[in-house]
Protein backbone atom coordinates (compact mmCIF):
# COMPACT_ATOMS: atom_id res chain seq x y z
CA MET A 1 11.68 12.85 -26.00
CA LYS A 2 14.59 11.11 -24.24
CA ILE A 3 15.30 10.21 -20.63
CA THR A 4 18.41 12.02 -19.41
CA SER A 5 18.71 11.00 -15.76
CA LEU A 6 17.20 9.14 -12.82
CA THR A 7 17.81 10.49 -9.29
CA THR A 8 16.63 8.97 -6.00
CA PHE A 9 16.05 10.79 -2.70
CA ALA A 10 15.78 8.96 0.63
CA VAL A 11 13.55 11.22 2.73
CA PRO A 12 12.10 10.95 6.24
CA PRO A 13 10.23 9.24 7.68
CA ARG A 14 11.05 6.10 5.63
CA TRP A 15 10.42 6.85 1.95
CA LEU A 16 12.37 6.89 -1.31
CA PHE A 17 11.41 9.27 -4.11
CA LEU A 18 12.56 9.07 -7.74
CA LYS A 19 12.91 11.93 -10.22
CA ILE A 20 13.19 11.08 -13.92
CA GLU A 21 14.29 13.96 -16.15
CA THR A 22 13.96 14.32 -19.92
CA ASP A 23 15.60 16.42 -22.62
CA GLU A 24 12.32 18.33 -23.10
CA GLY A 25 12.29 19.51 -19.49
CA ILE A 26 9.36 17.31 -18.46
CA VAL A 27 10.00 15.61 -15.12
CA GLY A 28 8.27 12.58 -13.64
CA TRP A 29 8.16 11.46 -10.02
CA GLY A 30 7.78 7.98 -8.55
CA GLU A 31 8.08 6.32 -5.17
CA PRO A 32 10.21 3.16 -5.44
CA VAL A 33 10.60 1.92 -1.88
CA LEU A 34 10.50 -1.26 0.13
CA GLU A 35 10.18 -0.33 3.79
CA GLY A 36 13.43 -1.13 5.56
CA ARG A 37 15.23 -1.73 2.25
CA ALA A 38 15.24 1.75 0.72
CA ALA A 39 18.97 1.74 -0.03
CA SER A 40 18.70 -1.62 -1.77
CA VAL A 41 15.87 -0.33 -3.97
CA ALA A 42 17.83 2.84 -4.77
CA ALA A 43 20.72 0.64 -5.94
CA ALA A 44 18.32 -1.38 -8.10
CA VAL A 45 16.94 1.81 -9.67
CA GLU A 46 20.49 2.90 -10.47
CA GLU A 47 21.19 -0.45 -12.15
CA LEU A 48 17.98 -0.28 -14.20
CA SER A 49 18.83 3.28 -15.26
CA ASP A 50 21.55 1.93 -17.54
CA TYR A 51 18.84 0.72 -19.88
CA LEU A 52 16.52 3.71 -19.56
CA VAL A 53 18.81 6.70 -20.14
CA GLY A 54 18.48 7.75 -23.76
CA LYS A 55 15.13 5.98 -24.25
CA ASP A 56 11.75 7.59 -25.00
CA PRO A 57 9.88 7.62 -21.66
CA ARG A 58 6.50 7.26 -23.34
CA HIS A 59 7.05 3.60 -24.30
CA ILE A 60 5.91 2.47 -20.87
CA GLU A 61 4.70 -1.05 -21.62
CA ASP A 62 7.86 -1.93 -23.52
CA HIS A 63 10.11 -0.47 -20.82
CA TRP A 64 8.22 -2.42 -18.14
CA THR A 65 8.57 -5.63 -20.13
CA VAL A 66 12.30 -5.20 -20.72
CA LEU A 67 13.09 -4.11 -17.16
CA TYR A 68 11.22 -7.15 -15.82
CA ARG A 69 12.05 -9.85 -18.36
CA SER A 70 15.56 -8.94 -19.45
CA GLY A 71 17.03 -9.96 -16.11
CA PHE A 72 17.61 -13.70 -15.90
CA TYR A 73 16.53 -13.43 -12.23
CA ARG A 74 13.34 -11.46 -11.79
CA GLY A 75 10.68 -10.52 -9.30
CA GLY A 76 10.79 -10.13 -5.54
CA GLY A 77 10.50 -7.09 -3.33
CA VAL A 78 13.59 -5.09 -4.30
CA HIS A 79 13.36 -5.57 -8.07
CA MET A 80 9.60 -4.99 -8.27
CA SER A 81 9.73 -1.93 -6.00
CA ALA A 82 12.41 -0.34 -8.17
CA LEU A 83 10.34 -1.11 -11.25
CA ALA A 84 7.22 0.24 -9.54
CA GLY A 85 8.71 3.68 -8.88
CA ILE A 86 10.11 3.89 -12.39
CA ASP A 87 6.72 2.96 -13.83
CA GLN A 88 4.95 5.64 -11.75
CA ALA A 89 7.40 8.30 -12.93
CA LEU A 90 7.02 7.28 -16.59
CA TRP A 91 3.24 7.58 -16.35
CA ASP A 92 3.71 10.97 -14.68
CA ILE A 93 5.85 12.13 -17.61
CA LYS A 94 3.43 10.85 -20.23
CA GLY A 95 0.45 12.52 -18.58
CA LYS A 96 2.32 15.81 -18.25
CA ALA A 97 3.48 15.65 -21.87
CA LEU A 98 -0.13 15.28 -23.01
CA GLY A 99 -1.59 17.61 -20.38
CA VAL A 100 -3.95 15.03 -18.88
CA PRO A 101 -4.12 12.95 -15.68
CA VAL A 102 -2.96 9.35 -15.90
CA HIS A 103 -6.50 8.05 -15.45
CA GLU A 104 -7.49 9.69 -18.75
CA LEU A 105 -4.77 7.66 -20.48
CA LEU A 106 -6.14 4.49 -18.88
CA GLY A 107 -9.64 4.92 -20.29
CA GLY A 108 -11.13 7.58 -18.05
CA ARG A 109 -12.35 7.40 -14.50
CA VAL A 110 -15.27 5.33 -13.28
CA ARG A 111 -15.48 7.34 -10.02
CA ASP A 112 -14.77 10.87 -8.82
CA ARG A 113 -13.60 9.91 -5.32
CA ILE A 114 -12.85 6.82 -3.28
CA LYS A 115 -13.44 5.87 0.33
CA VAL A 116 -10.37 5.94 2.57
CA TYR A 117 -9.61 4.59 6.00
CA SER A 118 -7.63 6.01 8.88
CA TRP A 119 -5.06 4.16 10.97
CA ILE A 120 -5.91 4.11 14.69
CA GLY A 121 -3.18 2.02 16.33
CA GLY A 122 -4.25 -1.05 18.26
CA ASP A 123 -2.02 -1.64 21.24
CA ARG A 124 -4.26 -0.41 24.07
CA PRO A 125 -8.09 -0.62 24.05
CA ALA A 126 -8.82 2.78 25.59
CA GLU A 127 -6.37 4.65 23.36
CA THR A 128 -7.48 2.79 20.24
CA ALA A 129 -11.15 3.47 20.94
CA ALA A 130 -10.40 7.15 21.49
CA ALA A 131 -8.43 7.28 18.21
CA ALA A 132 -11.36 5.62 16.42
CA ARG A 133 -13.82 8.19 17.80
CA GLU A 134 -11.49 11.00 16.75
CA ALA A 135 -11.14 9.60 13.21
CA VAL A 136 -14.91 9.33 12.86
CA GLY A 137 -15.19 12.87 14.17
CA ARG A 138 -12.91 13.98 11.31
CA GLY A 139 -15.29 12.40 8.83
CA PHE A 140 -13.76 8.96 8.28
CA SER A 141 -16.26 6.13 7.91
CA ALA A 142 -13.68 3.34 8.15
CA VAL A 143 -10.65 2.67 10.35
CA LYS A 144 -7.91 0.05 10.57
CA MET A 145 -6.16 -1.22 13.67
CA ASN A 146 -3.55 -3.75 14.68
CA GLY A 147 -5.03 -6.97 15.99
CA PRO A 148 -2.78 -9.34 17.92
CA GLU A 149 0.66 -8.81 19.34
CA GLU A 150 3.31 -11.43 18.61
CA MET A 151 1.85 -14.93 18.92
CA GLN A 152 3.36 -18.38 19.16
CA TYR A 153 1.98 -21.28 17.11
CA LEU A 154 -0.01 -22.21 20.21
CA ASP A 155 -0.52 -19.33 22.59
CA THR A 156 -2.48 -18.46 25.70
CA TRP A 157 -6.15 -17.47 25.82
CA ASP A 158 -5.38 -14.14 27.48
CA LYS A 159 -3.83 -12.91 24.21
CA VAL A 160 -7.02 -13.80 22.36
CA GLU A 161 -9.08 -11.99 24.98
CA ARG A 162 -6.92 -8.85 24.63
CA VAL A 163 -7.54 -8.76 20.88
CA VAL A 164 -11.28 -9.25 21.36
CA ALA A 165 -11.42 -6.57 24.08
CA ASN A 166 -9.59 -4.11 21.85
CA VAL A 167 -11.88 -4.69 18.87
CA ALA A 168 -14.97 -4.63 21.11
CA ALA A 169 -13.91 -1.25 22.52
CA VAL A 170 -13.53 0.19 19.04
CA ARG A 171 -16.86 -1.21 17.86
CA GLU A 172 -18.59 0.26 20.91
CA ALA A 173 -16.88 3.61 20.33
CA VAL A 174 -17.85 4.00 16.66
CA GLY A 175 -21.14 2.16 16.44
CA PRO A 176 -22.34 -0.51 14.02
CA ASP A 177 -21.97 1.35 10.72
CA VAL A 178 -18.27 2.30 10.69
CA GLY A 179 -15.99 -0.15 8.92
CA ILE A 180 -13.25 -1.73 11.06
CA GLY A 181 -10.30 -3.47 9.49
CA VAL A 182 -8.17 -5.62 11.80
CA ASP A 183 -4.62 -6.31 10.66
CA PHE A 184 -3.05 -9.56 11.89
CA HIS A 185 0.13 -8.40 10.07
CA GLY A 186 1.22 -11.95 9.34
CA ARG A 187 2.06 -12.32 13.05
CA VAL A 188 -0.27 -15.26 13.56
CA HIS A 189 0.30 -18.90 12.66
CA ARG A 190 -2.40 -21.26 11.45
CA PRO A 191 -3.58 -22.70 14.81
CA MET A 192 -4.18 -19.32 16.46
CA ALA A 193 -5.52 -17.71 13.28
CA ARG A 194 -8.41 -20.19 13.36
CA VAL A 195 -9.18 -19.22 16.96
CA LEU A 196 -8.96 -15.47 16.39
CA LEU A 197 -11.10 -15.42 13.25
CA GLU A 198 -13.91 -17.21 15.07
CA ALA A 199 -13.59 -15.01 18.17
CA LEU A 200 -13.86 -11.79 16.14
CA GLU A 201 -16.88 -12.76 14.02
CA PRO A 202 -19.45 -11.06 16.34
CA TYR A 203 -17.91 -7.62 15.64
CA HIS A 204 -18.83 -7.59 11.92
CA LEU A 205 -15.45 -6.45 10.66
CA MET A 206 -14.86 -4.78 7.31
CA PHE A 207 -12.01 -7.27 6.80
CA VAL A 208 -9.22 -9.16 8.54
CA GLU A 209 -5.88 -8.38 6.91
CA GLU A 210 -3.06 -10.91 6.57
CA PRO A 211 -4.60 -13.49 8.92
CA VAL A 212 -1.50 -15.54 8.12
CA LEU A 213 1.48 -14.84 5.88
CA SER A 214 0.55 -15.14 2.20
CA GLU A 215 2.79 -18.18 1.77
CA HIS A 216 0.69 -20.06 4.32
CA VAL A 217 -2.84 -19.36 3.07
CA ASP A 218 -3.07 -22.73 1.36
CA GLY A 219 -2.70 -24.45 4.72
CA ILE A 220 -5.67 -22.59 6.18
CA ALA A 221 -7.73 -22.28 3.02
CA ASP A 222 -10.73 -24.13 4.40
CA VAL A 223 -10.97 -21.77 7.38
CA LEU A 224 -10.56 -18.64 5.26
CA ARG A 225 -13.18 -19.74 2.74
CA ALA A 226 -15.63 -20.49 5.56
CA SER A 227 -15.09 -17.25 7.46
CA SER A 228 -18.00 -14.81 7.54
CA THR A 229 -15.43 -11.99 7.76
CA PRO A 230 -13.91 -10.82 4.45
CA ILE A 231 -10.24 -11.79 4.14
CA ALA A 232 -7.74 -9.25 2.77
CA LEU A 233 -4.09 -9.79 1.85
CA GLY A 234 -1.47 -9.07 -0.78
CA GLU A 235 0.88 -6.31 0.39
CA ARG A 236 3.77 -8.82 0.28
CA LEU A 237 2.99 -10.09 -3.21
CA TYR A 238 4.82 -8.41 -6.05
CA SER A 239 3.42 -9.44 -9.44
CA ARG A 240 0.45 -10.95 -11.27
CA TRP A 241 2.25 -14.29 -11.03
CA ASP A 242 2.43 -13.99 -7.23
CA PHE A 243 -1.27 -13.12 -7.06
CA LYS A 244 -2.42 -15.80 -9.51
CA ASP A 245 -2.72 -18.71 -7.09
CA VAL A 246 -4.16 -16.56 -4.29
CA ILE A 247 -6.85 -15.16 -6.59
CA THR A 248 -7.85 -18.55 -8.00
CA SER A 249 -7.80 -20.29 -4.61
CA GLY A 250 -10.97 -18.65 -3.32
CA VAL A 251 -9.39 -17.75 0.03
CA VAL A 252 -9.28 -13.98 -0.41
CA ASP A 253 -12.09 -11.44 -0.77
CA VAL A 254 -10.00 -8.26 -0.99
CA ILE A 255 -6.53 -8.05 -2.55
CA GLN A 256 -4.12 -5.35 -1.40
CA PRO A 257 -1.34 -4.87 -3.97
CA ASP A 258 1.05 -2.02 -3.19
CA LEU A 259 1.74 0.24 -6.17
CA SER A 260 5.24 0.94 -4.85
CA HIS A 261 6.04 -2.78 -4.46
CA ALA A 262 4.09 -4.62 -7.15
CA GLY A 263 5.44 -3.15 -10.36
CA GLY A 264 3.59 0.18 -10.33
CA ILE A 265 0.49 1.28 -12.19
CA THR A 266 1.13 -0.96 -15.21
CA GLU A 267 1.31 -4.20 -13.21
CA VAL A 268 -1.31 -3.49 -10.55
CA ARG A 269 -3.87 -2.65 -13.22
CA LYS A 270 -3.38 -6.16 -14.60
CA ILE A 271 -3.60 -7.67 -11.12
CA ALA A 272 -6.84 -5.76 -10.47
CA ALA A 273 -8.32 -7.02 -13.75
CA MET A 274 -7.46 -10.59 -12.77
CA ALA A 275 -9.22 -10.07 -9.45
CA GLU A 276 -12.31 -8.59 -11.10
CA ALA A 277 -12.73 -11.76 -13.14
CA TYR A 278 -13.11 -13.62 -9.82
CA ASP A 279 -15.38 -10.96 -8.22
CA ILE A 280 -12.62 -9.98 -5.78
CA ALA A 281 -12.31 -6.42 -4.50
CA VAL A 282 -9.15 -4.28 -4.60
CA ALA A 283 -7.94 -2.07 -1.73
CA PRO A 284 -4.42 -0.86 -2.58
CA HIS A 285 -1.90 -0.98 0.24
CA CYS A 286 -0.30 2.44 0.82
CA PRO A 287 1.22 3.39 4.20
CA LEU A 288 3.70 5.49 2.21
CA GLY A 289 4.20 9.00 0.81
CA PRO A 290 2.28 11.34 -1.47
CA ILE A 291 3.63 10.03 -4.79
CA ALA A 292 2.59 6.48 -3.95
CA LEU A 293 -0.86 7.71 -2.89
CA ALA A 294 -1.27 9.75 -6.06
CA ALA A 295 -0.41 6.66 -8.14
CA CYS A 296 -2.95 4.61 -6.18
CA LEU A 297 -5.67 7.17 -6.77
CA GLN A 298 -5.02 7.19 -10.52
CA LEU A 299 -5.52 3.43 -10.49
CA ASP A 300 -8.57 3.64 -8.21
CA ALA A 301 -10.11 6.06 -10.69
CA VAL A 302 -10.23 3.45 -13.46
CA THR A 303 -10.70 0.25 -11.43
CA TYR A 304 -14.31 -0.80 -11.00
CA ASN A 305 -13.56 -3.27 -8.20
CA ALA A 306 -11.51 -0.78 -6.14
CA VAL A 307 -13.40 -0.34 -2.88
CA ILE A 308 -11.27 1.58 -0.38
CA GLN A 309 -7.84 3.23 -0.27
CA GLU A 310 -5.25 3.08 2.49
CA GLN A 311 -3.42 6.35 3.19
CA SER A 312 -0.77 7.31 5.72
CA LEU A 313 -1.89 10.70 7.05
CA GLY A 314 -1.12 10.62 10.76
CA ILE A 315 0.09 7.01 10.77
CA HIS A 316 2.43 6.11 13.62
CA TYR A 317 5.44 5.69 11.30
CA ASN A 318 5.26 9.34 10.24
CA THR A 319 7.13 10.84 13.18
CA SER A 320 9.36 13.44 11.47
CA ASN A 321 7.41 14.09 8.28
CA ASP A 322 3.89 13.35 7.14
CA LEU A 323 2.05 12.68 3.92
CA LEU A 324 1.34 16.26 2.89
CA ASP A 325 4.77 17.76 3.65
CA TYR A 326 6.31 17.04 0.26
CA VAL A 327 3.62 18.45 -2.05
CA VAL A 328 3.31 22.09 -3.10
CA ASP A 329 -0.48 22.07 -2.74
CA PRO A 330 -1.68 19.75 0.07
CA SER A 331 -5.31 20.40 -0.92
CA VAL A 332 -4.76 18.10 -3.91
CA PHE A 333 -5.69 15.31 -1.50
CA ALA A 334 -9.10 16.69 -0.56
CA TYR A 335 -10.38 14.51 2.27
CA SER A 336 -14.13 14.89 2.81
CA ASP A 337 -16.87 12.66 4.23
CA GLY A 338 -14.54 9.70 4.51
CA SER A 339 -13.37 9.91 0.90
CA VAL A 340 -10.60 11.52 -1.12
CA GLU A 341 -10.97 13.15 -4.52
CA ILE A 342 -9.14 11.70 -7.52
CA PRO A 343 -6.44 14.27 -8.47
CA ARG A 344 -7.30 15.93 -11.79
CA GLY A 345 -3.95 17.57 -12.63
CA PRO A 346 -1.66 16.26 -15.39
CA GLY A 347 0.33 13.09 -14.80
CA LEU A 348 -0.10 11.76 -11.27
CA GLY A 349 -1.92 14.98 -10.43
CA ILE A 350 0.45 16.34 -7.76
CA GLU A 351 3.32 18.82 -7.74
CA VAL A 352 6.28 17.63 -5.68
CA ASP A 353 8.11 20.29 -3.66
CA GLU A 354 11.58 19.46 -4.95
CA ASP A 355 13.37 22.04 -2.82
CA TYR A 356 11.92 20.49 0.32
CA VAL A 357 12.65 16.97 -0.95
CA ARG A 358 16.32 17.88 -1.39
CA GLU A 359 16.40 19.54 2.04
CA ARG A 360 15.03 16.45 3.76
CA ALA A 361 17.11 14.07 1.64
CA ALA A 362 20.16 15.69 3.25
CA VAL A 363 18.81 14.24 6.51
CA GLY A 364 17.74 10.91 4.99
CA HIS A 365 16.73 7.89 7.03
CA ARG A 366 17.81 4.38 7.99
CA TRP A 367 14.38 3.05 8.93
CA ARG A 368 14.30 -0.63 9.87
CA ASN A 369 11.59 -3.04 10.94
CA PRO A 370 11.58 -3.67 14.69
CA VAL A 371 12.90 -7.08 15.73
CA TRP A 372 10.55 -8.84 18.12
CA ARG A 373 11.18 -11.97 20.19
CA HIS A 374 8.95 -14.35 22.09
CA ALA A 375 9.37 -14.93 25.81
CA ASP A 376 11.52 -17.97 25.03
CA GLY A 377 13.96 -15.85 23.01
CA SER A 378 12.89 -17.07 19.56
CA PHE A 379 12.16 -14.65 16.72
CA ALA A 380 8.61 -13.31 16.51
CA GLU A 381 6.93 -12.00 13.36
CA TRP A 382 6.47 -8.23 13.47
């Protein structure tokens, strides 16, 4: 079998899909995207295609190694996202060629389903609490919300009180047994992170996500290790080498590699195995489309320390299209009792609606991160 072409499709709301074709008619799909940099990733995929066209798609480990190591400069968001989508599509092809789901090729599943959480916003206490109640009413047993707005290195107590009031409203709305994740989104610097972590301890959170940017965790390591709230991070780390120091530092309890950013199934499986050796849980980051979610679920199926899966159904980014729009059979993601079934079909286990993909690719997108500023005019982390 030989690879004949690689084609990318930028589709709303902010995703990039990849189709890899072969001379035997077997097609694989991946999702190589870095939010806000989709065109850059598409260009990287096109550059990497020079090596892949004409090669046997089944030699996944070798292709991953060459595509990563053969460039003198390697790693980072754009390169690893391009490699991630290619890797997903190659696994999709191999599974389809053999007539089995990817998880069977990775040793067979250790679970039939995995817990998922629903996004509920976070900007206004009353609205967030109502969204939390609605999510629980739909069967979700865990939710995630934004925590703070933009914060200066040293900020005012009223901002802390707003975060606490928001979380308190959600906890009151859902009761003591629903998991609540609070995402600081890397918006908070070390001095205020210390304050917020302590202030939120009474609400028994499932985790606090990105309490500070990953590059700053060493400066607050003592606080993170001492926190009674589990600490989650990793969506902005792209390889096992990026995760190595974080995993060995003891500051993180849950790692969140993104299978569309961190080298795909091949790399994230290795990252997850590293984490397991340190008794660290895995909760893959995935506010993306159906191909990315399908890849995550194949990994979740074989990863003992996978605990919960992010998914984007109804997330605020999905304004023009949503998670299920691009698959032929939306029931493949069977949400029930706060969990989702592991897809059992060949490859990634989903059938992409290519006609609809092409229709929406004609519309495309130019999604960009918002640019926030503090009251003094200086840049604020979004």
